[in-house]
Amino acid sequence: MLVRFKKSMEKIAMGLLSFMPNEKEVKKLQATMKLYEENPNWQLYLWKEEEDVLAAIGVEVDDASQSVVIQHITVNPSHRDMGIGHKMISQLRSIYQDNYSIMANHITEPFLKKCQ
């Protein structure tokens, strides 16, 4: 299930985000985490099964255009190809329901197209 990021989960979240191709460099990763922590429009969710955090999905919410842009989506490599990414997208759609359109950025677009 998706849970909102909390500061106590920072190391786990950073580890998951580091699997993203554009987040390999530590300074870039720290800047991304700062955005999720400080910008109210950037929201990070973690996927938990039992006590394990297996994945993360980060979005930028634009209330003016009523859109949610998926900035990051990542799954622990040992848990890939198990449908977790699809489940995160599905729950994200439930959170924002019909009020917002779910969109992708250039990095997350190929995955979101697979979820259509």
N, C-alpha and C. Protein backbone atom coordinates (compact mmCIF):
# COMPACT_ATOMS: atom_id res chain seq x y z
N MET A 1 0.82 -1.18 0.00
CA MET A 1 0.00 0.00 0.00
C MET A 1 0.87 1.25 0.00
N LEU A 2 0.35 2.33 -0.56
CA LEU A 2 1.08 3.58 -0.60
C LEU A 2 0.97 4.31 0.73
N VAL A 3 2.10 4.81 1.20
CA VAL A 3 2.12 5.65 2.40
C VAL A 3 2.92 6.91 2.07
N ARG A 4 2.49 8.01 2.67
CA ARG A 4 3.21 9.27 2.45
C ARG A 4 4.59 9.21 3.09
N PHE A 5 5.55 9.80 2.42
CA PHE A 5 6.92 9.88 2.91
C PHE A 5 6.96 10.64 4.23
N LYS A 6 7.77 10.13 5.14
CA LYS A 6 8.05 10.81 6.41
C LYS A 6 9.57 10.92 6.53
N LYS A 7 10.01 11.93 7.23
CA LYS A 7 11.45 12.17 7.40
C LYS A 7 12.17 10.93 7.94
N SER A 8 11.50 10.15 8.77
CA SER A 8 12.12 8.95 9.35
C SER A 8 12.41 7.89 8.27
N MET A 9 11.82 8.04 7.10
CA MET A 9 12.01 7.08 6.00
C MET A 9 13.01 7.60 4.96
N GLU A 10 13.72 8.67 5.29
CA GLU A 10 14.57 9.33 4.31
C GLU A 10 15.63 8.42 3.69
N LYS A 11 16.33 7.64 4.48
CA LYS A 11 17.39 6.78 3.94
C LYS A 11 16.82 5.73 2.99
N ILE A 12 15.68 5.16 3.34
CA ILE A 12 15.04 4.17 2.48
C ILE A 12 14.61 4.84 1.18
N ALA A 13 14.00 6.01 1.29
CA ALA A 13 13.54 6.73 0.10
C ALA A 13 14.72 7.09 -0.81
N MET A 14 15.79 7.57 -0.22
CA MET A 14 16.97 7.92 -1.02
C MET A 14 17.54 6.69 -1.71
N GLY A 15 17.56 5.57 -1.01
CA GLY A 15 18.05 4.33 -1.62
C GLY A 15 17.21 3.92 -2.82
N LEU A 16 15.90 4.03 -2.69
CA LEU A 16 15.02 3.68 -3.79
C LEU A 16 15.17 4.66 -4.95
N LEU A 17 15.19 5.95 -4.65
CA LEU A 17 15.32 6.95 -5.72
C LEU A 17 16.66 6.84 -6.44
N SER A 18 17.68 6.33 -5.75
CA SER A 18 19.00 6.20 -6.39
C SER A 18 18.99 5.18 -7.53
N PHE A 19 17.94 4.37 -7.63
CA PHE A 19 17.82 3.44 -8.76
C PHE A 19 17.37 4.15 -10.03
N MET A 20 16.88 5.39 -9.91
CA MET A 20 16.46 6.17 -11.08
C MET A 20 17.72 6.63 -11.82
N PRO A 21 17.71 6.56 -13.14
CA PRO A 21 18.90 6.93 -13.91
C PRO A 21 19.41 8.35 -13.64
N ASN A 22 18.53 9.30 -13.43
CA ASN A 22 18.95 10.69 -13.22
C ASN A 22 19.27 11.02 -11.77
N GLU A 23 19.18 10.05 -10.89
CA GLU A 23 19.39 10.30 -9.46
C GLU A 23 20.62 9.57 -8.91
N LYS A 24 21.54 9.22 -9.76
CA LYS A 24 22.73 8.47 -9.32
C LYS A 24 23.70 9.32 -8.51
N GLU A 25 23.83 10.59 -8.88
CA GLU A 25 24.77 11.49 -8.21
C GLU A 25 24.19 11.93 -6.86
N VAL A 26 24.99 11.87 -5.80
CA VAL A 26 24.53 12.14 -4.45
C VAL A 26 23.96 13.55 -4.32
N LYS A 27 24.62 14.54 -4.87
CA LYS A 27 24.13 15.92 -4.75
C LYS A 27 22.78 16.09 -5.44
N LYS A 28 22.59 15.46 -6.58
CA LYS A 28 21.30 15.52 -7.28
C LYS A 28 20.23 14.83 -6.46
N LEU A 29 20.55 13.69 -5.90
CA LEU A 29 19.62 12.94 -5.07
C LEU A 29 19.22 13.76 -3.82
N GLN A 30 20.17 14.41 -3.20
CA GLN A 30 19.88 15.24 -2.03
C GLN A 30 18.98 16.42 -2.41
N ALA A 31 19.22 17.01 -3.58
CA ALA A 31 18.38 18.12 -4.05
C ALA A 31 16.95 17.64 -4.31
N THR A 32 16.82 16.46 -4.85
CA THR A 32 15.49 15.89 -5.10
C THR A 32 14.77 15.65 -3.79
N MET A 33 15.45 15.07 -2.83
CA MET A 33 14.84 14.82 -1.52
C MET A 33 14.41 16.13 -0.86
N LYS A 34 15.21 17.17 -1.03
CA LYS A 34 14.88 18.47 -0.46
C LYS A 34 13.58 19.00 -1.07
N LEU A 35 13.41 18.80 -2.38
CA LEU A 35 12.16 19.21 -3.04
C LEU A 35 10.96 18.49 -2.42
N TYR A 36 11.09 17.18 -2.22
CA TYR A 36 9.98 16.42 -1.64
C TYR A 36 9.70 16.83 -0.20
N GLU A 37 10.71 17.25 0.52
CA GLU A 37 10.53 17.63 1.91
C GLU A 37 9.99 19.05 2.06
N GLU A 38 10.38 19.96 1.17
CA GLU A 38 10.08 21.37 1.37
C GLU A 38 8.98 21.93 0.46
N ASN A 39 8.81 21.38 -0.72
CA ASN A 39 7.83 21.91 -1.66
C ASN A 39 6.51 21.19 -1.46
N PRO A 40 5.45 21.88 -1.05
CA PRO A 40 4.18 21.20 -0.80
C PRO A 40 3.55 20.60 -2.06
N ASN A 41 3.98 21.04 -3.22
CA ASN A 41 3.44 20.47 -4.47
C ASN A 41 4.14 19.18 -4.88
N TRP A 42 5.28 18.90 -4.29
CA TRP A 42 6.01 17.66 -4.57
C TRP A 42 5.71 16.68 -3.44
N GLN A 43 5.15 15.54 -3.81
CA GLN A 43 4.77 14.55 -2.80
C GLN A 43 5.39 13.20 -3.15
N LEU A 44 5.96 12.58 -2.15
CA LEU A 44 6.60 11.28 -2.32
C LEU A 44 5.82 10.24 -1.53
N TYR A 45 5.54 9.14 -2.20
CA TYR A 45 4.84 8.01 -1.57
C TYR A 45 5.75 6.79 -1.63
N LEU A 46 5.68 5.98 -0.61
CA LEU A 46 6.45 4.73 -0.57
C LEU A 46 5.48 3.57 -0.57
N TRP A 47 5.88 2.48 -1.20
CA TRP A 47 5.06 1.26 -1.27
C TRP A 47 5.54 0.30 -0.20
N LYS A 48 4.63 -0.02 0.73
CA LYS A 48 4.97 -0.94 1.81
C LYS A 48 4.16 -2.22 1.67
N GLU A 49 4.83 -3.32 1.90
CA GLU A 49 4.18 -4.62 2.03
C GLU A 49 4.68 -5.20 3.34
N GLU A 50 3.75 -5.40 4.25
CA GLU A 50 4.08 -5.78 5.62
C GLU A 50 4.99 -4.69 6.20
N GLU A 51 6.19 -5.02 6.59
CA GLU A 51 7.08 -4.02 7.17
C GLU A 51 8.13 -3.53 6.17
N ASP A 52 8.13 -4.07 4.97
CA ASP A 52 9.16 -3.74 3.99
C ASP A 52 8.71 -2.63 3.05
N VAL A 53 9.60 -1.67 2.82
CA VAL A 53 9.37 -0.62 1.83
C VAL A 53 10.05 -1.09 0.55
N LEU A 54 9.26 -1.29 -0.50
CA LEU A 54 9.77 -1.91 -1.72
C LEU A 54 9.90 -0.96 -2.90
N ALA A 55 9.21 0.19 -2.84
CA ALA A 55 9.17 1.05 -4.01
C ALA A 55 8.81 2.47 -3.61
N ALA A 56 8.95 3.38 -4.57
CA ALA A 56 8.60 4.78 -4.33
C ALA A 56 8.03 5.38 -5.60
N ILE A 57 7.13 6.33 -5.41
CA ILE A 57 6.59 7.11 -6.53
C ILE A 57 6.48 8.55 -6.07
N GLY A 58 7.03 9.45 -6.85
CA GLY A 58 7.02 10.86 -6.50
C GLY A 58 6.27 11.65 -7.55
N VAL A 59 5.46 12.59 -7.09
CA VAL A 59 4.64 13.37 -8.01
C VAL A 59 4.75 14.86 -7.71
N GLU A 60 4.44 15.63 -8.74
CA GLU A 60 4.28 17.07 -8.59
C GLU A 60 2.82 17.37 -8.88
N VAL A 61 2.14 17.94 -7.89
CA VAL A 61 0.72 18.24 -8.01
C VAL A 61 0.56 19.69 -8.45
N ASP A 62 -0.19 19.88 -9.53
CA ASP A 62 -0.48 21.22 -10.03
C ASP A 62 -1.97 21.45 -9.90
N ASP A 63 -2.36 22.15 -8.83
CA ASP A 63 -3.78 22.38 -8.58
C ASP A 63 -4.42 23.25 -9.66
N ALA A 64 -3.66 24.18 -10.21
CA ALA A 64 -4.22 25.08 -11.22
C ALA A 64 -4.68 24.32 -12.46
N SER A 65 -3.86 23.38 -12.92
CA SER A 65 -4.23 22.60 -14.12
C SER A 65 -4.87 21.26 -13.75
N GLN A 66 -5.01 21.01 -12.46
CA GLN A 66 -5.55 19.76 -11.94
C GLN A 66 -4.85 18.55 -12.56
N SER A 67 -3.52 18.60 -12.47
CA SER A 67 -2.72 17.49 -12.98
C SER A 67 -1.75 17.02 -11.91
N VAL A 68 -1.40 15.76 -12.03
CA VAL A 68 -0.42 15.13 -11.17
C VAL A 68 0.63 14.54 -12.11
N VAL A 69 1.84 15.08 -12.05
CA VAL A 69 2.90 14.62 -12.94
C VAL A 69 3.82 13.68 -12.16
N ILE A 70 3.94 12.47 -12.66
CA ILE A 70 4.82 11.49 -12.02
C ILE A 70 6.26 11.86 -12.35
N GLN A 71 7.01 12.23 -11.32
CA GLN A 71 8.40 12.64 -11.47
C GLN A 71 9.36 11.45 -11.33
N HIS A 72 9.03 10.55 -10.43
CA HIS A 72 9.88 9.39 -10.15
C HIS A 72 9.01 8.17 -9.91
N ILE A 73 9.45 7.04 -10.39
CA ILE A 73 8.83 5.77 -10.03
C ILE A 73 9.94 4.73 -10.03
N THR A 74 10.07 4.05 -8.92
CA THR A 74 11.18 3.11 -8.76
C THR A 74 10.78 1.96 -7.85
N VAL A 75 11.27 0.79 -8.20
CA VAL A 75 11.00 -0.42 -7.43
C VAL A 75 12.34 -1.08 -7.13
N ASN A 76 12.49 -1.57 -5.92
CA ASN A 76 13.70 -2.32 -5.56
C ASN A 76 13.93 -3.40 -6.61
N PRO A 77 15.13 -3.50 -7.17
CA PRO A 77 15.38 -4.47 -8.25
C PRO A 77 14.97 -5.90 -7.92
N SER A 78 15.09 -6.31 -6.67
CA SER A 78 14.74 -7.69 -6.32
C SER A 78 13.22 -7.91 -6.27
N HIS A 79 12.44 -6.84 -6.43
CA HIS A 79 10.98 -6.96 -6.41
C HIS A 79 10.33 -6.48 -7.71
N ARG A 80 11.13 -6.32 -8.75
CA ARG A 80 10.59 -5.87 -10.03
C ARG A 80 9.85 -7.01 -10.74
N ASP A 81 9.04 -6.62 -11.70
CA ASP A 81 8.24 -7.57 -12.49
C ASP A 81 7.24 -8.33 -11.62
N MET A 82 6.77 -7.69 -10.56
CA MET A 82 5.77 -8.29 -9.69
C MET A 82 4.49 -7.45 -9.65
N GLY A 83 4.43 -6.43 -10.50
CA GLY A 83 3.23 -5.60 -10.58
C GLY A 83 3.16 -4.47 -9.58
N ILE A 84 4.23 -4.21 -8.85
CA ILE A 84 4.21 -3.16 -7.83
C ILE A 84 4.05 -1.78 -8.47
N GLY A 85 4.73 -1.53 -9.55
CA GLY A 85 4.61 -0.25 -10.24
C GLY A 85 3.19 0.01 -10.69
N HIS A 86 2.56 -1.01 -11.26
CA HIS A 86 1.16 -0.88 -11.69
C HIS A 86 0.25 -0.62 -10.49
N LYS A 87 0.51 -1.28 -9.37
CA LYS A 87 -0.30 -1.07 -8.16
C LYS A 87 -0.14 0.35 -7.64
N MET A 88 1.08 0.89 -7.71
CA MET A 88 1.30 2.27 -7.25
C MET A 88 0.53 3.26 -8.11
N ILE A 89 0.56 3.06 -9.43
CA ILE A 89 -0.18 3.94 -10.34
C ILE A 89 -1.67 3.84 -10.04
N SER A 90 -2.16 2.63 -9.82
CA SER A 90 -3.58 2.43 -9.53
C SER A 90 -3.99 3.15 -8.25
N GLN A 91 -3.19 3.02 -7.20
CA GLN A 91 -3.52 3.69 -5.94
C GLN A 91 -3.39 5.20 -6.07
N LEU A 92 -2.45 5.66 -6.87
CA LEU A 92 -2.30 7.09 -7.11
C LEU A 92 -3.56 7.63 -7.79
N ARG A 93 -4.08 6.87 -8.74
CA ARG A 93 -5.33 7.27 -9.41
C ARG A 93 -6.47 7.32 -8.40
N SER A 94 -6.49 6.40 -7.45
CA SER A 94 -7.53 6.40 -6.41
C SER A 94 -7.41 7.62 -5.51
N ILE A 95 -6.18 7.99 -5.18
CA ILE A 95 -5.96 9.14 -4.30
C ILE A 95 -6.47 10.42 -4.96
N TYR A 96 -6.15 10.59 -6.24
CA TYR A 96 -6.51 11.83 -6.92
C TYR A 96 -7.82 11.72 -7.71
N GLN A 97 -8.35 10.54 -7.83
CA GLN A 97 -9.62 10.23 -8.48
C GLN A 97 -9.81 11.00 -9.78
N ASP A 98 -11.03 11.40 -10.04
CA ASP A 98 -11.35 12.06 -11.31
C ASP A 98 -11.01 13.54 -11.33
N ASN A 99 -10.64 14.09 -10.19
CA ASN A 99 -10.37 15.53 -10.11
C ASN A 99 -9.07 15.93 -10.81
N TYR A 100 -8.13 15.01 -10.91
CA TYR A 100 -6.82 15.31 -11.48
C TYR A 100 -6.49 14.31 -12.58
N SER A 101 -5.75 14.77 -13.57
CA SER A 101 -5.26 13.84 -14.58
C SER A 101 -3.85 13.42 -14.20
N ILE A 102 -3.58 12.15 -14.35
CA ILE A 102 -2.26 11.60 -14.04
C ILE A 102 -1.43 11.67 -15.32
N MET A 103 -0.27 12.30 -15.22
CA MET A 103 0.59 12.49 -16.38
C MET A 103 2.00 12.03 -16.02
N ALA A 104 2.83 11.93 -17.03
CA ALA A 104 4.23 11.52 -16.83
C ALA A 104 5.16 12.63 -17.31
N ASN A 105 6.37 12.62 -16.80
CA ASN A 105 7.40 13.47 -17.38
C ASN A 105 8.13 12.61 -18.42
N HIS A 106 9.17 13.15 -19.01
CA HIS A 106 9.86 12.41 -20.08
C HIS A 106 10.54 11.14 -19.57
N ILE A 107 10.86 11.10 -18.29
CA ILE A 107 11.53 9.92 -17.73
C ILE A 107 10.53 8.82 -17.40
N THR A 108 9.38 9.18 -16.87
CA THR A 108 8.41 8.19 -16.43
C THR A 108 7.37 7.83 -17.49
N GLU A 109 7.39 8.53 -18.61
CA GLU A 109 6.39 8.31 -19.67
C GLU A 109 6.34 6.87 -20.20
N PRO A 110 7.49 6.24 -20.50
CA PRO A 110 7.40 4.86 -21.01
C PRO A 110 6.69 3.91 -20.05
N PHE A 111 6.94 4.07 -18.77
CA PHE A 111 6.28 3.16 -17.80
C PHE A 111 4.79 3.47 -17.71
N LEU A 112 4.43 4.75 -17.66
CA LEU A 112 3.02 5.10 -17.55
C LEU A 112 2.24 4.61 -18.77
N LYS A 113 2.84 4.63 -19.94
CA LYS A 113 2.17 4.12 -21.14
C LYS A 113 1.87 2.63 -21.00
N LYS A 114 2.75 1.88 -20.34
CA LYS A 114 2.51 0.45 -20.12
C LYS A 114 1.34 0.22 -19.17
N CYS A 115 1.04 1.20 -18.34
CA CYS A 115 -0.04 1.06 -17.34
C CYS A 115 -1.40 1.46 -17.88
N GLN A 116 -1.46 1.94 -19.10
CA GLN A 116 -2.75 2.40 -19.67
C GLN A 116 -3.69 1.25 -19.90
